[in-house]
Amino acid sequence: MKVWEGRAVVQPDRTFESFSPARDTSQERFSVFLPLSADVRSSDRISIRGQMYEIDGEPKQFAQTRLRHIQLTVWRAIR
């Protein structure tokens, strides 16, 4: 398992709550902005303030803008 380590900008995305008779869970989600040079894949995980998050979908590269970066959506289950 690879873990991203380095500079990033992290912004709240949204929280989902799912209620069912079997379990009550919710998801915490963030938008993460990394330098374009970051080697990150959808199968990687990242640590934010000591909590592990999974990447949701493919990383989006923005190489043609003045502020070149990679954007990720990450999530973790909260019980």
Protein backbone atom coordinates (compact mmCIF):
# COMPACT_ATOMS: atom_id res chain seq x y z
CA MET A 1 0.00 0.00 0.00
CA LYS A 2 1.40 3.37 -1.02
CA VAL A 3 0.67 6.43 1.10
CA TRP A 4 1.01 9.98 -0.24
CA GLU A 5 3.23 12.23 1.86
CA GLY A 6 3.90 15.87 1.07
CA ARG A 7 2.24 19.26 0.64
CA ALA A 8 -1.45 19.43 -0.16
CA VAL A 9 -4.50 21.65 0.13
CA VAL A 10 -7.47 19.88 1.75
CA GLN A 11 -11.03 21.21 1.59
CA PRO A 12 -14.25 19.70 2.93
CA ASP A 13 -16.38 18.11 0.23
CA ARG A 14 -19.51 16.59 1.77
CA THR A 15 -20.71 14.03 4.28
CA PHE A 16 -23.05 11.16 3.46
CA GLU A 17 -25.16 9.34 5.98
CA SER A 18 -26.68 5.97 5.17
CA PHE A 19 -29.25 4.46 7.48
CA SER A 20 -30.30 0.84 7.14
CA PRO A 21 -31.45 -1.84 9.58
CA ALA A 22 -28.09 -3.60 9.17
CA ARG A 23 -25.87 -0.61 9.95
CA ASP A 24 -25.65 3.13 10.43
CA THR A 25 -22.68 4.62 8.61
CA SER A 26 -21.61 7.89 7.14
CA GLN A 27 -18.76 8.99 4.89
CA GLU A 28 -16.43 11.92 5.37
CA ARG A 29 -15.21 13.33 2.04
CA PHE A 30 -12.56 15.90 1.09
CA SER A 31 -11.28 17.52 -2.07
CA VAL A 32 -7.48 17.33 -2.11
CA PHE A 33 -5.20 19.40 -4.34
CA LEU A 34 -1.65 18.12 -4.89
CA PRO A 35 1.30 19.38 -6.95
CA LEU A 36 1.27 18.17 -10.56
CA SER A 37 4.48 16.26 -9.83
CA ALA A 38 2.72 14.02 -7.28
CA ASP A 39 2.73 10.36 -8.28
CA VAL A 40 -0.71 9.30 -7.08
CA ARG A 41 -3.12 6.67 -8.44
CA SER A 42 -6.72 5.75 -7.73
CA SER A 43 -5.56 2.65 -5.84
CA ASP A 44 -3.45 4.70 -3.40
CA ARG A 45 -4.46 5.98 0.03
CA ILE A 46 -3.57 9.22 1.73
CA SER A 47 -3.31 10.20 5.37
CA ILE A 48 -4.95 13.44 6.50
CA ARG A 49 -4.38 14.41 10.13
CA GLY A 50 -3.65 10.80 11.05
CA GLN A 51 -6.75 9.33 9.35
CA MET A 52 -6.50 7.09 6.26
CA TYR A 53 -8.62 8.03 3.22
CA GLU A 54 -9.27 6.17 -0.02
CA ILE A 55 -9.23 7.94 -3.38
CA ASP A 56 -12.63 8.02 -5.09
CA GLY A 57 -12.20 7.80 -8.88
CA GLU A 58 -9.23 8.74 -11.02
CA PRO A 59 -7.02 11.71 -10.09
CA LYS A 60 -7.76 14.74 -12.30
CA GLN A 61 -4.73 16.51 -13.75
CA PHE A 62 -4.88 20.22 -14.53
CA ALA A 63 -1.65 20.82 -16.47
CA GLN A 64 -2.81 23.63 -18.75
CA THR A 65 -3.72 26.18 -16.08
CA ARG A 66 -1.46 28.67 -14.34
CA LEU A 67 -1.81 26.76 -11.07
CA ARG A 68 -0.98 23.26 -12.31
CA HIS A 69 -2.20 20.59 -9.92
CA ILE A 70 -3.87 17.23 -9.38
CA GLN A 71 -7.33 17.11 -7.80
CA LEU A 72 -8.58 14.12 -5.82
CA THR A 73 -11.77 13.28 -4.01
CA VAL A 74 -11.03 11.16 -0.95
CA TRP A 75 -13.31 9.46 1.58
CA ARG A 76 -13.43 7.34 4.71
CA ALA A 77 -16.24 5.56 6.51
CA ILE A 78 -17.31 6.89 9.89
CA ARG A 79 -19.28 4.65 12.21
